[in-house]
Protein backbone atom coordinates (compact mmCIF):
# COMPACT_ATOMS: atom_id res chain seq x y z
CA MET A 1 0.04 0.02 0.01
CA ARG A 2 1.30 3.44 -0.71
CA HIS A 3 2.41 4.98 2.56
CA ASP A 4 3.82 4.69 4.47
CA GLU A 5 22.44 7.85 11.94
CA SER A 6 24.07 9.39 14.30
CA VAL A 7 26.89 9.90 11.79
CA PRO A 8 26.95 9.46 8.05
CA PRO A 9 28.41 6.06 6.75
CA THR A 10 31.88 5.87 5.29
CA PRO A 11 32.15 7.57 1.96
CA ARG A 12 31.14 5.41 -0.95
CA ARG A 13 31.59 5.56 -4.67
CA PRO A 14 29.26 8.09 -6.36
CA VAL A 15 25.65 7.22 -6.36
CA LEU A 16 24.11 6.18 -9.55
CA SER A 17 20.59 7.19 -10.59
CA ALA A 18 18.18 4.35 -10.78
CA ALA A 19 18.00 4.75 -14.57
CA ALA A 20 21.84 4.61 -14.71
CA ALA A 21 21.84 1.63 -12.39
CA LEU A 22 19.54 -0.24 -14.73
CA ALA A 23 21.54 0.68 -17.77
CA VAL A 24 24.81 -0.51 -16.10
CA LEU A 25 23.08 -3.88 -15.51
CA SER A 26 22.18 -4.03 -19.16
CA LEU A 27 18.57 -4.83 -18.37
CA GLY A 28 15.73 -4.45 -20.95
CA VAL A 29 12.36 -4.68 -19.22
CA ALA A 30 9.10 -2.78 -19.61
CA GLY A 31 6.06 -2.38 -17.56
CA CYS A 32 2.54 -3.54 -18.73
CA GLY A 33 -0.88 -1.93 -18.39
CA GLY A 34 -4.46 -2.94 -17.68
CA GLY A 35 -9.14 0.91 -12.07
CA GLY A 36 -9.29 1.52 -8.62
CA ALA A 37 -7.49 0.59 -5.51
CA ALA A 38 -8.79 0.16 -2.02
CA GLN A 39 -7.61 -1.14 1.26
CA ALA A 40 -8.72 -4.68 2.21
CA GLN A 41 -8.78 -6.94 5.08
CA PRO A 42 -6.35 -9.88 5.20
CA GLY A 43 -7.51 -12.97 3.49
CA LYS A 44 -6.47 -16.29 1.86
CA GLY A 45 -4.33 -16.83 -1.20
CA GLY A 46 -0.77 -17.13 -2.42
CA ASP A 47 1.46 -20.12 -3.10
CA ALA A 48 3.10 -22.28 -0.41
CA ALA A 49 6.49 -21.12 0.62
CA PRO A 50 9.57 -23.25 -0.20
CA SER A 51 10.66 -26.11 1.98
CA SER A 52 13.43 -24.21 3.73
CA PRO A 53 12.10 -23.42 7.36
CA ALA A 54 14.17 -20.21 7.47
CA ALA A 55 12.59 -18.90 4.33
CA SER A 56 8.99 -19.93 4.78
CA ALA A 57 6.12 -17.74 5.64
CA PRO A 58 3.37 -18.44 8.22
CA ALA A 59 0.68 -20.70 6.74
CA SER A 60 -2.07 -18.42 7.93
CA PRO A 61 -2.58 -15.14 9.75
CA SER A 62 -1.81 -14.97 13.41
CA PRO A 63 -4.55 -16.04 15.84
CA VAL A 64 -7.62 -13.89 15.95
CA ARG A 65 -7.69 -11.31 18.59
CA THR A 66 -10.32 -8.61 19.46
CA SER A 67 -9.82 -4.91 19.89
CA ALA A 68 -10.09 -5.40 23.60
CA SER A 69 -7.02 -7.67 23.62
CA PRO A 70 -3.84 -5.78 24.72
CA ALA A 71 -1.03 -5.66 22.27
CA PRO A 72 1.88 -7.72 23.62
CA ARG A 73 5.03 -5.62 23.83
CA LYS A 74 7.59 -8.34 22.77
CA PRO A 75 11.08 -7.24 21.57
CA ALA A 76 11.72 -7.12 17.84
CA THR A 77 12.95 -10.38 16.61
CA PRO A 78 16.81 -10.53 16.60
CA SER A 79 19.35 -12.63 14.79
CA PRO A 80 21.01 -15.56 16.72
CA PRO A 81 24.03 -14.54 18.78
CA ALA A 82 27.00 -13.37 16.60
CA ALA A 83 28.86 -16.53 17.44
CA ASP A 84 25.97 -18.59 15.82
CA LEU A 85 25.98 -16.55 12.60
CA PRO A 86 27.97 -17.82 9.61
CA SER A 87 31.01 -15.76 8.67
CA GLY A 88 30.53 -13.84 5.63
CA PRO A 89 30.75 -10.59 3.64
CA LEU A 90 28.10 -8.96 5.87
CA SER A 91 29.62 -10.06 9.21
CA GLY A 92 29.52 -7.18 11.65
CA LYS A 93 26.58 -5.52 9.86
CA THR A 94 23.17 -4.98 11.32
CA VAL A 95 20.06 -4.92 9.09
CA VAL A 96 16.55 -4.17 10.17
CA ILE A 97 13.72 -5.56 8.07
CA ASP A 98 10.39 -3.94 8.53
CA PRO A 99 7.37 -6.02 7.30
CA GLY A 100 4.66 -3.50 6.38
CA HIS A 101 1.40 -3.58 8.25
CA ASN A 102 0.22 -6.62 10.46
CA PRO A 103 -2.32 -9.30 9.41
CA ASP A 104 -4.45 -8.56 12.58
CA ASN A 105 -4.52 -4.70 12.04
CA HIS A 106 -8.13 -4.99 10.78
CA LEU A 107 -9.15 -6.41 14.16
CA HIS A 108 -7.72 -3.26 15.97
CA THR A 109 -9.11 -0.30 14.05
CA ALA A 110 -9.30 1.88 17.07
CA GLU A 111 -5.69 1.25 18.06
CA ILE A 112 -4.14 1.62 14.61
CA ASN A 113 -6.25 4.85 13.86
CA ARG A 114 -4.60 6.51 16.88
CA GLN A 115 -2.46 9.56 15.86
CA VAL A 116 1.23 9.47 16.37
CA ASP A 117 3.86 12.23 15.81
CA ILE A 118 5.91 11.80 12.67
CA GLY A 119 7.94 14.90 13.22
CA THR A 120 6.34 17.22 10.77
CA THR A 121 2.72 16.23 11.48
CA HIS A 122 0.47 13.43 12.89
CA LYS A 123 -0.65 10.27 11.07
CA GLU A 124 -2.39 7.06 11.94
CA CYS A 125 -0.39 4.58 14.00
CA ASP A 126 -0.50 2.03 11.20
CA THR A 127 -2.86 0.90 8.39
CA THR A 128 -4.46 -2.39 7.31
CA GLY A 129 -2.57 -2.54 3.95
CA THR A 130 -4.13 -3.76 0.79
CA SER A 131 -4.74 -7.15 -0.77
CA THR A 132 -5.17 -8.93 -4.08
CA ASN A 133 -8.57 -9.36 -5.48
CA SER A 134 -8.55 -12.95 -4.33
CA GLY A 135 -7.85 -11.87 -0.72
CA TYR A 136 -4.04 -12.42 -0.43
CA ALA A 137 -3.22 -9.78 2.16
CA GLU A 138 -0.29 -7.40 1.88
CA ALA A 139 0.57 -8.03 5.48
CA ARG A 140 0.98 -11.81 4.71
CA PHE A 141 3.07 -10.89 1.68
CA THR A 142 5.45 -8.63 3.49
CA LEU A 143 6.06 -11.20 6.36
CA ASP A 144 6.73 -14.04 3.80
CA VAL A 145 9.31 -11.80 1.81
CA SER A 146 10.93 -10.61 5.12
CA HIS A 147 11.49 -14.13 6.31
CA ARG A 148 13.14 -15.01 3.01
CA LEU A 149 15.22 -11.89 3.11
CA ARG A 150 16.24 -12.58 6.73
CA ALA A 151 17.42 -16.02 5.64
CA LEU A 152 19.47 -14.59 2.68
CA LEU A 153 21.24 -11.94 4.81
CA ARG A 154 21.92 -14.21 7.76
CA ALA A 155 23.67 -16.54 5.26
CA GLN A 156 26.08 -13.60 4.49
CA GLY A 157 26.79 -13.12 8.22
CA ALA A 158 24.55 -10.13 8.83
CA LYS A 159 22.71 -9.60 12.12
CA VAL A 160 19.04 -9.25 11.27
CA ILE A 161 16.22 -7.79 13.30
CA LEU A 162 12.59 -7.80 12.25
CA THR A 163 10.40 -4.97 13.62
CA TYR A 164 7.75 -7.64 14.31
CA ASP A 165 7.36 -11.32 13.48
CA GLY A 166 3.76 -12.42 14.22
CA ASP A 167 4.31 -11.47 17.88
CA ARG A 168 2.04 -8.50 18.08
CA ALA A 169 -1.76 -8.09 18.11
CA PHE A 170 -1.38 -5.06 15.81
CA GLY A 171 1.29 -2.59 14.59
CA PRO A 172 3.92 -1.69 15.49
CA CYS A 173 3.10 1.97 15.05
CA VAL A 174 5.13 3.80 12.43
CA ASP A 175 7.07 5.77 15.00
CA GLU A 176 8.00 2.68 16.93
CA ARG A 177 9.11 0.92 13.65
CA ALA A 178 11.56 3.84 13.15
CA ARG A 179 12.90 3.61 16.71
CA ILE A 180 13.60 -0.04 16.40
CA GLY A 181 16.11 0.62 13.52
CA ASN A 182 17.50 3.60 15.31
CA ARG A 183 18.12 1.86 18.63
CA ALA A 184 19.73 -1.01 16.81
CA GLY A 185 22.23 1.36 15.12
CA ALA A 186 21.29 -0.48 11.91
CA ASP A 187 23.58 -0.14 9.02
CA ALA A 188 20.48 -0.36 6.73
CA VAL A 189 16.79 -0.65 7.19
CA VAL A 190 14.20 -1.80 4.52
CA SER A 191 10.49 -1.66 4.88
CA VAL A 192 8.80 -4.22 2.70
CA HIS A 193 5.41 -3.47 1.04
CA ALA A 194 3.13 -4.01 -1.90
CA ASP A 195 1.01 -1.29 -3.43
CA GLY A 196 -2.71 -0.93 -3.93
CA SER A 197 -3.27 0.97 -7.09
CA ALA A 198 -5.38 0.94 -10.19
CA VAL A 199 -5.51 -1.90 -12.71
CA GLY A 200 -2.96 -1.41 -15.35
CA ASN A 201 -0.52 0.31 -12.96
CA ARG A 202 2.37 -2.23 -12.69
CA GLY A 203 5.88 -2.56 -11.43
CA PHE A 204 7.84 -1.92 -8.26
CA HIS A 205 9.24 1.38 -6.80
CA VAL A 206 11.65 2.23 -3.96
CA ILE A 207 10.60 5.09 -1.74
CA LEU A 208 13.43 7.36 -0.41
CA PRO A 209 13.28 9.80 2.47
CA ALA A 210 13.01 13.45 1.52
CA SER A 211 14.97 16.21 3.31
CA VAL A 212 12.84 16.79 6.33
CA ARG A 213 13.52 18.74 9.50
CA GLY A 214 10.85 19.52 12.13
CA GLY A 215 9.77 18.34 15.49
CA GLY A 216 11.52 15.07 16.09
CA ALA A 217 12.33 14.54 12.41
CA ASP A 218 15.76 15.33 10.93
CA THR A 219 16.69 13.37 7.75
CA SER A 220 19.56 15.45 6.71
CA LYS A 221 22.26 12.82 7.54
CA ILE A 222 20.38 9.87 5.93
CA VAL A 223 19.09 11.30 2.63
CA GLY A 224 22.23 10.64 0.69
CA PRO A 225 23.03 7.15 2.13
CA SER A 226 19.42 6.19 1.76
CA ARG A 227 19.40 7.08 -1.94
CA ASP A 228 22.50 5.01 -2.40
CA LEU A 229 20.72 2.13 -0.68
CA GLY A 230 17.55 2.52 -2.66
CA THR A 231 19.23 2.94 -6.03
CA ARG A 232 21.14 -0.29 -5.53
CA ILE A 233 18.04 -2.16 -4.50
CA ALA A 234 16.10 -0.89 -7.53
CA GLY A 235 18.77 -2.03 -9.91
CA LEU A 236 19.33 -5.40 -8.42
CA PHE A 237 15.49 -6.08 -7.91
CA VAL A 238 15.12 -5.70 -11.64
CA ARG A 239 17.87 -8.21 -12.31
CA ALA A 240 16.53 -10.75 -9.86
CA THR A 241 12.83 -10.53 -10.63
CA GLY A 242 12.63 -9.39 -14.15
CA SER A 243 10.06 -6.86 -13.04
CA ALA A 244 10.04 -3.41 -14.57
CA PRO A 245 10.18 -0.15 -12.46
CA SER A 246 6.69 1.42 -11.86
CA ASN A 247 4.89 2.71 -14.87
CA TYR A 248 2.76 5.11 -12.60
CA ILE A 249 5.26 6.45 -9.96
CA GLY A 250 8.81 7.76 -10.28
CA GLY A 251 8.93 8.36 -14.03
CA ASN A 252 10.18 4.83 -14.80
CA THR A 253 13.20 5.20 -12.52
CA GLY A 254 11.92 2.83 -9.92
CA LEU A 255 12.47 5.62 -7.26
CA ASP A 256 10.07 7.91 -5.41
CA THR A 257 10.90 10.52 -2.73
CA ARG A 258 8.52 11.26 -0.05
CA LYS A 259 8.25 13.37 3.18
CA ASP A 260 4.92 12.13 4.56
CA LEU A 261 6.02 8.73 5.98
CA GLY A 262 6.85 8.52 9.62
CA GLY A 263 8.97 5.38 9.24
CA LEU A 264 11.39 7.51 7.01
CA ASN A 265 10.90 11.00 8.70
CA LEU A 266 11.92 9.57 12.09
CA SER A 267 14.77 7.37 10.94
CA THR A 268 18.26 8.36 11.98
CA VAL A 269 19.81 5.42 10.01
CA PRO A 270 19.70 4.77 6.22
CA LYS A 271 16.23 3.59 5.40
CA VAL A 272 14.08 2.87 2.31
CA PHE A 273 10.59 1.40 1.53
CA ILE A 274 10.15 -0.97 -1.32
CA GLU A 275 6.63 -1.41 -3.00
CA CYS A 276 7.23 -4.76 -4.70
CA GLY A 277 4.29 -4.50 -6.99
CA ASN A 278 0.64 -3.55 -7.31
CA MET A 279 -1.64 -6.13 -5.63
CA ARG A 280 -4.73 -4.70 -7.45
CA ASP A 281 -3.38 -5.45 -10.89
CA PRO A 282 -4.07 -9.07 -12.00
CA LYS A 283 -0.66 -9.46 -13.74
CA ASP A 284 1.29 -8.08 -10.68
CA ALA A 285 -0.90 -10.12 -8.38
CA ALA A 286 0.00 -13.26 -10.16
CA LEU A 287 3.62 -12.60 -9.37
CA LEU A 288 3.06 -11.41 -5.75
CA THR A 289 1.13 -14.63 -5.01
CA SER A 290 3.84 -16.87 -6.41
CA ALA A 291 6.22 -18.34 -3.86
CA GLY A 292 8.94 -18.59 -6.45
CA TRP A 293 8.67 -15.03 -7.36
CA ARG A 294 8.67 -13.83 -3.79
CA GLN A 295 11.94 -15.72 -3.38
CA LYS A 296 13.28 -13.67 -6.35
CA ALA A 297 12.02 -10.57 -4.73
CA ALA A 298 13.82 -11.31 -1.53
CA GLN A 299 17.04 -12.07 -3.48
CA GLY A 300 16.89 -8.78 -5.31
CA ILE A 301 16.38 -6.82 -2.00
CA ALA A 302 19.17 -8.86 -0.39
CA ASP A 303 21.52 -8.17 -3.36
CA GLY A 304 20.80 -4.49 -3.07
CA ILE A 305 21.44 -4.32 0.56
CA SER A 306 24.59 -6.35 0.22
CA SER A 307 25.88 -4.17 -2.48
CA TYR A 308 25.20 -1.08 -0.44
CA LEU A 309 26.80 -2.55 2.75
CA LYS A 310 29.96 -3.67 0.94
CA GLY A 311 30.27 -0.29 -0.67
C-alpha cells in the first residue's frame, strides 16, 4: 500500500541514478498496463513457501484477537548471537527488516487509527494494508518476503532484526518501527510493502526519504546514504525478478521521494521502503502470490542491501 544515523556512513563511490543503475546492469524490461484501488482486510491466497524453514512464511494469519485484547510488547525479533551466525561478507553489519502492516490490524481499528507524531505532522499509528482481488493480504506478503530476506542476509553473516514477527496483536506503530532501527544502530533498514493502485498500474518502486526537518524529524544525515541504498536495491531487484520499475510512480526510474512517511521521517539510519508490485493489478498479483517470485524478490532486495553495505 502506498504509505507509508548518528553519523553518516563511510564515503562510498558516487551514487548512480536508478536509470543509470538499470543501464549498467544491461537490463531491458518494460512495464505492462491494464481501475481502482482500495484497502482490504487480510484474506487467503498465495502459493506455499519453499521447504526451507528459515525462508518460509506463516501458513495463516496469526490467531484472531479482538480490539479489547492488549497488544503484547515483545522485543523485535533479533538474529541469533553473533557466534552462531555464519562468517560472511556482511559479518559485523546490522540490518533491520520492517514487514509492512500486520495481518491482524483490521481487528484493531481503534488502536491503529490513533494519531502518532511523525515529526512534521501526525498520522495514523498504522494501516491495514491492501490485498489482491482474491484476498491475499499485503501483510502476509510482507512477512513472507521478510522471512526469505532474513535467511538470505543471515547466510552472508549479517545480524538481522525484524520490527515484528507475528508476535503482536497489531502494529507496531510507524514511529516505533523507526525507533527499532535507530536503537539497533542499523547499517540499513528496509520496509517491505506491496502497493494498492489501479488496474494497469504495474511494477515496483523504492521510496526514499526526503529532506525533512521539524519536530522530532531530521533526515539531513540519511538522505544521501538512503538514496544510495535505494538505487542499488532498484537496480538489483530488476535483475533478480525481471520486473520493470513502476509505470505510474517515479517516471520509470523505480525511485520515489516522500516526506509524509513517519517510518522515514523519524529514522536516523539509512532507510527505504520498497513497494514490490501492485496487488490490485491481476498481472502483478500473479507474481506477488507466487512463492517462486517472492523468493526472487527477497533475493533482489538482499542483493541491493549487500551491494550497499559492501560499498
